[in-house]
Amino acid sequence: MRSLKLDTPKSLSQRVIQRLRQAIIDGEFALGAAISEEMVANSFGVSRTPVREAMGQLQAQGLVMIRPQVGSFVFTPSADDINALCTFRIALEPKAAELAYGHDRDGAIASMSQAIAAMEPAVAAKDNIAYGRADTAFHEALFAHCGNRYLAESYQLVSGRVAALRTNLTSPIDVRTRTSFDEHRKLLDLFARGELAGFEELMTTHITNSGVVYARALKVEALKVETPRAN
């Protein structure tokens, strides 16, 4: 894998957490992949202590599974996990949009517009990482401008997993078609015009379809793992 270089904010452990979290979200570590503390420590140029602390924090965020006496692994959701995650998002995101519209409509529109502006060149370049980051920014804008920190904190419980699933499973499809891009533009238009019922309907469809893609892609990956054993 490529060298994982660190930026320079905050404490060493926070820097490790931020960089490792982004590496998981960007797909530098595949879903279900083992993460060697020693390898990460060597790549970062740090001791294993901050890496171990980062693993604990990332486990709390649902991005890493730590199996005692076995090792640490990037999360892999089950079909039930995906259904629960989509249900959670369908409950929260339209409400966040409603609150954002009343609390900071202009700020939310500006943030969502900026995300969409980043999506178009990503689609043109077929850059699934850039597209996934822009997609994440679009959805997080609703919570950033909703004015309710409890709602925002609730979404943060799953935001890393959603972002990682986007990059690994849906963004490779999204950059080959304009369906997702067009849906985001329509969501912005509905939000800007205050058509929140239409926004909720489209957002529900959008999230549900993402869940279908997640589940299908995970089945394909599972078959790839099982096929060599059958030969």
Protein backbone atom coordinates (compact mmCIF):
# COMPACT_ATOMS: atom_id res chain seq x y z
CA MET A 1 0.00 0.00 0.00
CA ARG A 2 1.07 3.60 -0.45
CA SER A 3 2.73 5.53 2.40
CA LEU A 4 0.22 7.04 4.80
CA LYS A 5 1.58 10.52 5.43
CA LEU A 6 0.20 12.64 8.24
CA ASP A 7 -1.02 16.21 8.18
CA THR A 8 -0.16 18.39 11.17
CA PRO A 9 -3.16 19.28 13.36
CA LYS A 10 -3.75 18.55 17.05
CA SER A 11 -2.13 15.71 19.03
CA LEU A 12 -0.28 12.74 17.59
CA SER A 13 -3.05 10.30 18.49
CA GLN A 14 -5.69 12.56 16.90
CA ARG A 15 -3.58 12.85 13.76
CA VAL A 16 -3.32 9.07 13.55
CA ILE A 17 -7.08 8.68 14.08
CA GLN A 18 -7.91 11.26 11.40
CA ARG A 19 -5.52 9.80 8.82
CA LEU A 20 -6.48 6.18 9.47
CA ARG A 21 -10.18 7.05 9.40
CA GLN A 22 -9.75 8.75 6.03
CA ALA A 23 -7.74 5.78 4.72
CA ILE A 24 -10.65 3.48 5.57
CA ILE A 25 -13.24 5.84 4.08
CA ASP A 26 -11.19 6.31 0.89
CA GLY A 27 -10.81 2.56 0.44
CA GLU A 28 -7.06 2.38 1.06
CA PHE A 29 -8.10 -0.44 3.38
CA ALA A 30 -10.82 -2.58 1.81
CA LEU A 31 -13.93 -3.57 3.73
CA GLY A 32 -13.05 -6.51 5.96
CA ALA A 33 -9.30 -6.05 5.46
CA ALA A 34 -6.94 -6.79 8.31
CA ILE A 35 -5.13 -3.76 9.72
CA SER A 36 -1.72 -4.51 11.20
CA GLU A 37 -0.87 -2.14 14.06
CA GLU A 38 2.82 -2.68 13.34
CA MET A 39 2.44 -1.93 9.64
CA VAL A 40 0.42 1.22 10.32
CA ALA A 41 2.87 2.38 13.01
CA ASN A 42 5.80 1.87 10.63
CA SER A 43 4.02 3.64 7.76
CA PHE A 44 3.08 6.58 9.99
CA GLY A 45 6.50 6.66 11.62
CA VAL A 46 5.04 6.45 15.14
CA SER A 47 5.00 3.97 18.00
CA ARG A 48 2.21 1.41 18.30
CA THR A 49 0.65 3.25 21.26
CA PRO A 50 -1.16 6.01 19.28
CA VAL A 51 -2.13 3.42 16.66
CA ARG A 52 -3.68 1.24 19.36
CA GLU A 53 -5.55 4.29 20.69
CA ALA A 54 -6.75 5.08 17.17
CA MET A 55 -8.04 1.54 16.71
CA GLY A 56 -10.09 1.86 19.89
CA GLN A 57 -11.59 5.16 18.71
CA LEU A 58 -12.34 3.78 15.26
CA GLN A 59 -13.98 0.74 16.81
CA ALA A 60 -16.26 3.12 18.73
CA GLN A 61 -17.13 4.77 15.40
CA GLY A 62 -17.99 1.39 13.88
CA LEU A 63 -15.18 1.53 11.31
CA VAL A 64 -12.96 -1.12 12.88
CA MET A 65 -13.63 -4.47 14.54
CA ILE A 66 -11.06 -5.60 17.10
CA ARG A 67 -10.94 -9.33 17.73
CA PRO A 68 -8.86 -10.16 20.82
CA GLN A 69 -5.95 -12.46 20.06
CA VAL A 70 -6.80 -12.25 16.36
CA GLY A 71 -6.36 -8.67 15.12
CA SER A 72 -8.09 -5.54 13.88
CA PHE A 73 -10.24 -5.45 10.75
CA VAL A 74 -12.16 -2.88 8.72
CA PHE A 75 -15.88 -3.35 9.32
CA THR A 76 -18.00 -5.40 6.95
CA PRO A 77 -21.74 -4.86 7.32
CA SER A 78 -24.30 -7.64 7.13
CA ALA A 79 -27.58 -7.33 5.22
CA ASP A 80 -29.31 -6.54 8.52
CA ASP A 81 -26.73 -3.83 9.26
CA ILE A 82 -27.38 -2.23 5.88
CA ASN A 83 -31.14 -2.26 6.38
CA ALA A 84 -30.79 -0.73 9.84
CA LEU A 85 -28.37 1.91 8.57
CA CYS A 86 -30.67 2.94 5.73
CA THR A 87 -33.67 3.08 8.06
CA PHE A 88 -31.69 5.29 10.43
CA ARG A 89 -30.70 7.64 7.61
CA ILE A 90 -34.24 7.81 6.22
CA ALA A 91 -35.46 8.86 9.66
CA LEU A 92 -32.75 11.49 10.24
CA GLU A 93 -31.88 13.13 6.93
CA PRO A 94 -35.30 14.54 5.97
CA LYS A 95 -35.68 15.91 9.51
CA ALA A 96 -32.24 17.50 9.29
CA ALA A 97 -33.29 19.08 5.98
CA GLU A 98 -36.45 20.46 7.53
CA LEU A 99 -34.51 22.00 10.40
CA ALA A 100 -31.74 23.29 8.14
CA TYR A 101 -34.31 24.99 5.92
CA GLY A 102 -35.69 26.88 8.90
CA HIS A 103 -32.40 27.50 10.69
CA ASP A 104 -29.90 28.32 7.93
CA ARG A 105 -31.40 27.82 4.50
CA ASP A 106 -28.82 29.94 2.66
CA GLY A 107 -25.88 28.27 4.39
CA ALA A 108 -27.22 24.81 3.64
CA ILE A 109 -27.80 25.70 -0.01
CA ALA A 110 -24.27 27.09 -0.31
CA SER A 111 -22.74 23.94 1.20
CA MET A 112 -24.81 21.56 -0.93
CA SER A 113 -24.08 23.60 -4.05
CA GLN A 114 -20.36 23.41 -3.32
CA ALA A 115 -20.62 19.64 -2.97
CA ILE A 116 -22.46 19.32 -6.28
CA ALA A 117 -19.86 21.54 -7.95
CA ALA A 118 -17.23 19.01 -6.82
CA MET A 119 -19.25 16.04 -8.08
CA GLU A 120 -19.33 17.05 -11.75
CA PRO A 121 -15.56 16.93 -12.41
CA ALA A 122 -15.35 13.73 -10.34
CA VAL A 123 -17.93 12.10 -12.63
CA ALA A 124 -16.05 13.34 -15.69
CA ALA A 125 -12.76 11.97 -14.35
CA LYS A 126 -14.41 8.78 -13.02
CA ASP A 127 -12.77 9.57 -9.68
CA ASN A 128 -14.81 7.57 -7.17
CA ILE A 129 -12.87 8.87 -4.17
CA ALA A 130 -13.48 12.52 -5.07
CA TYR A 131 -17.10 11.74 -5.86
CA GLY A 132 -17.57 9.91 -2.57
CA ARG A 133 -16.11 12.84 -0.62
CA ALA A 134 -18.41 15.29 -2.39
CA ASP A 135 -21.40 13.00 -1.84
CA THR A 136 -20.55 12.83 1.86
CA ALA A 137 -20.22 16.61 2.05
CA PHE A 138 -23.67 17.03 0.49
CA HIS A 139 -25.41 14.88 3.09
CA GLU A 140 -23.39 16.22 6.02
CA ALA A 141 -24.38 19.78 5.03
CA LEU A 142 -27.92 19.05 6.21
CA PHE A 143 -26.67 18.32 9.71
CA ALA A 144 -24.06 21.08 9.75
CA HIS A 145 -26.79 23.66 9.22
CA CYS A 146 -29.72 22.10 11.08
CA GLY A 147 -29.01 23.94 14.34
CA ASN A 148 -29.56 20.83 16.48
CA ARG A 149 -26.35 19.38 17.86
CA TYR A 150 -28.05 16.23 19.13
CA LEU A 151 -29.29 15.39 15.66
CA ALA A 152 -25.86 16.17 14.22
CA GLU A 153 -24.12 14.03 16.85
CA SER A 154 -26.53 11.16 16.12
CA TYR A 155 -25.57 11.24 12.45
CA GLN A 156 -21.88 11.27 13.35
CA LEU A 157 -22.38 7.81 14.87
CA VAL A 158 -22.78 6.38 11.37
CA SER A 159 -21.23 8.99 9.07
CA GLY A 160 -17.89 7.20 8.78
CA ARG A 161 -19.50 3.90 7.85
CA VAL A 162 -21.78 5.59 5.32
CA ALA A 163 -18.82 7.40 3.75
CA ALA A 164 -16.77 4.18 3.55
CA LEU A 165 -19.64 2.29 1.95
CA ARG A 166 -20.07 5.09 -0.59
CA THR A 167 -16.44 5.04 -1.67
CA ASN A 168 -16.11 1.26 -1.72
CA LEU A 169 -19.49 0.24 -3.10
CA THR A 170 -21.61 2.99 -4.69
CA SER A 171 -19.19 5.63 -5.96
CA PRO A 172 -17.59 3.28 -8.55
CA ILE A 173 -21.09 2.95 -10.03
CA ASP A 174 -22.02 6.61 -9.56
CA VAL A 175 -19.03 7.88 -11.54
CA ARG A 176 -20.01 5.66 -14.47
CA THR A 177 -23.55 7.04 -14.60
CA ARG A 178 -25.15 10.41 -13.86
CA THR A 179 -28.06 8.99 -11.86
CA SER A 180 -26.68 9.86 -8.43
CA PHE A 181 -25.44 13.24 -9.62
CA ASP A 182 -28.83 14.10 -11.11
CA GLU A 183 -30.60 13.00 -7.91
CA HIS A 184 -28.40 15.28 -5.81
CA ARG A 185 -29.12 18.22 -8.10
CA LYS A 186 -32.85 17.49 -7.83
CA LEU A 187 -32.57 17.25 -4.03
CA LEU A 188 -30.91 20.65 -3.93
CA ASP A 189 -33.59 22.14 -6.19
CA LEU A 190 -36.38 20.73 -4.01
CA PHE A 191 -34.69 22.01 -0.86
CA ALA A 192 -34.10 25.50 -2.30
CA ARG A 193 -37.76 25.78 -3.31
CA GLY A 194 -38.93 24.59 0.09
CA GLU A 195 -40.61 21.49 -1.32
CA LEU A 196 -39.67 19.41 1.71
CA ALA A 197 -42.26 16.68 1.12
CA GLY A 198 -40.78 16.08 -2.33
CA PHE A 199 -37.29 16.26 -0.84
CA GLU A 200 -38.18 13.59 1.72
CA GLU A 201 -39.68 11.33 -0.93
CA LEU A 202 -36.63 11.57 -3.19
CA MET A 203 -34.17 11.26 -0.29
CA THR A 204 -35.96 8.10 0.87
CA THR A 205 -35.69 6.62 -2.62
CA HIS A 206 -32.06 7.72 -2.90
CA ILE A 207 -31.04 6.09 0.39
CA THR A 208 -33.08 2.95 -0.28
CA ASN A 209 -31.43 2.49 -3.68
CA SER A 210 -28.01 2.96 -2.08
CA GLY A 211 -28.85 0.16 0.35
CA VAL A 212 -29.76 -2.13 -2.55
CA VAL A 213 -26.40 -1.38 -4.19
CA TYR A 214 -24.55 -2.00 -0.91
CA ALA A 215 -26.21 -5.38 -0.44
CA ARG A 216 -25.65 -6.45 -4.05
CA ALA A 217 -21.99 -5.42 -4.02
CA LEU A 218 -21.33 -7.25 -0.76
CA LYS A 219 -22.85 -10.42 -2.22
CA VAL A 220 -20.53 -10.14 -5.21
CA GLU A 221 -17.52 -9.71 -2.92
CA ALA A 222 -18.60 -12.69 -0.83
CA LEU A 223 -18.80 -14.85 -3.96
CA LYS A 224 -15.29 -13.80 -4.95
CA VAL A 225 -14.01 -15.04 -1.59
CA GLU A 226 -15.96 -18.32 -1.72
CA THR A 227 -15.20 -19.24 -5.35
CA PRO A 228 -11.51 -20.20 -4.86
CA ARG A 229 -12.53 -22.59 -2.05
CA ALA A 230 -14.92 -24.38 -4.36
CA ASN A 231 -12.25 -25.04 -7.00
